[in-house]
Amino acid sequence: MRPMYQDRETVNTHGLFLSLMIALYIHTLLVLCSTHKTLYIDTFNNHFSKSSLLSVLIFMS
């Protein structure tokens, strides 16, 4: 029972790390693609951080 729980935790943290890396990659890509649209980027950043946090919470549950 104990090793199974540990494995599950490892998979969870790995998945979380992977999703965060993907989010960071997409984020940097978007920032590089449209640096001149600062207002759009700022509003998008607020929305993106909320949505990524929500996706992480959904993934964890």
Protein backbone atom coordinates (compact mmCIF):
# COMPACT_ATOMS: atom_id res chain seq x y z
CA MET A 1 0.00 0.00 0.00
CA ARG A 2 2.81 2.40 0.89
CA PRO A 3 4.88 2.09 -2.32
CA MET A 4 1.76 2.54 -4.46
CA TYR A 5 0.99 5.82 -2.71
CA GLN A 6 4.56 7.03 -3.23
CA ASP A 7 4.43 6.15 -6.94
CA ARG A 8 1.17 8.00 -7.34
CA GLU A 9 2.66 11.07 -5.64
CA THR A 10 5.70 10.97 -7.93
CA VAL A 11 3.48 10.79 -11.01
CA ASN A 12 1.39 13.69 -9.70
CA THR A 13 4.42 15.94 -9.10
CA HIS A 14 5.89 14.97 -12.49
CA GLY A 15 2.63 15.84 -14.23
CA LEU A 16 2.44 19.13 -12.35
CA PHE A 17 6.01 20.00 -13.34
CA LEU A 18 5.29 19.09 -16.96
CA SER A 19 2.14 21.23 -17.10
CA LEU A 20 4.01 24.17 -15.53
CA MET A 21 6.82 23.83 -18.07
CA ILE A 22 4.31 23.77 -20.96
CA ALA A 23 2.53 26.82 -19.53
CA LEU A 24 5.84 28.68 -19.17
CA TYR A 25 6.84 27.75 -22.74
CA ILE A 26 3.52 28.97 -24.19
CA HIS A 27 3.77 32.12 -22.06
CA THR A 28 7.27 33.01 -23.30
CA LEU A 29 6.29 32.17 -26.89
CA LEU A 30 3.32 34.55 -26.73
CA VAL A 31 5.40 37.30 -25.12
CA LEU A 32 8.07 36.97 -27.83
CA CYS A 33 5.47 36.89 -30.62
CA SER A 34 3.64 40.06 -29.55
CA THR A 35 5.93 42.33 -27.53
CA HIS A 36 4.45 45.50 -29.06
CA LYS A 37 0.96 44.74 -27.72
CA THR A 38 1.78 45.50 -24.07
CA LEU A 39 -1.79 46.21 -22.97
CA TYR A 40 -3.05 42.98 -24.52
CA ILE A 41 -0.18 41.04 -22.91
CA ASP A 42 -0.93 42.49 -19.47
CA THR A 43 -4.62 41.57 -19.61
CA PHE A 44 -3.77 38.17 -21.06
CA ASN A 45 -1.19 37.52 -18.33
CA ASN A 46 -3.81 38.05 -15.63
CA HIS A 47 -6.25 35.70 -17.38
CA PHE A 48 -3.53 33.14 -18.18
CA SER A 49 -2.23 32.93 -14.61
CA LYS A 50 -5.76 32.33 -13.34
CA SER A 51 -6.52 29.68 -15.98
CA SER A 52 -3.19 27.87 -15.47
CA LEU A 53 -3.77 27.85 -11.71
CA LEU A 54 -7.26 26.44 -12.32
CA SER A 55 -5.91 23.74 -14.66
CA VAL A 56 -3.29 22.78 -12.06
CA LEU A 57 -5.99 22.50 -9.40
CA ILE A 58 -8.14 20.38 -11.72
CA PHE A 59 -5.14 18.17 -12.52
CA MET A 60 -4.31 17.66 -8.83
CA SER A 61 -7.82 16.57 -7.87
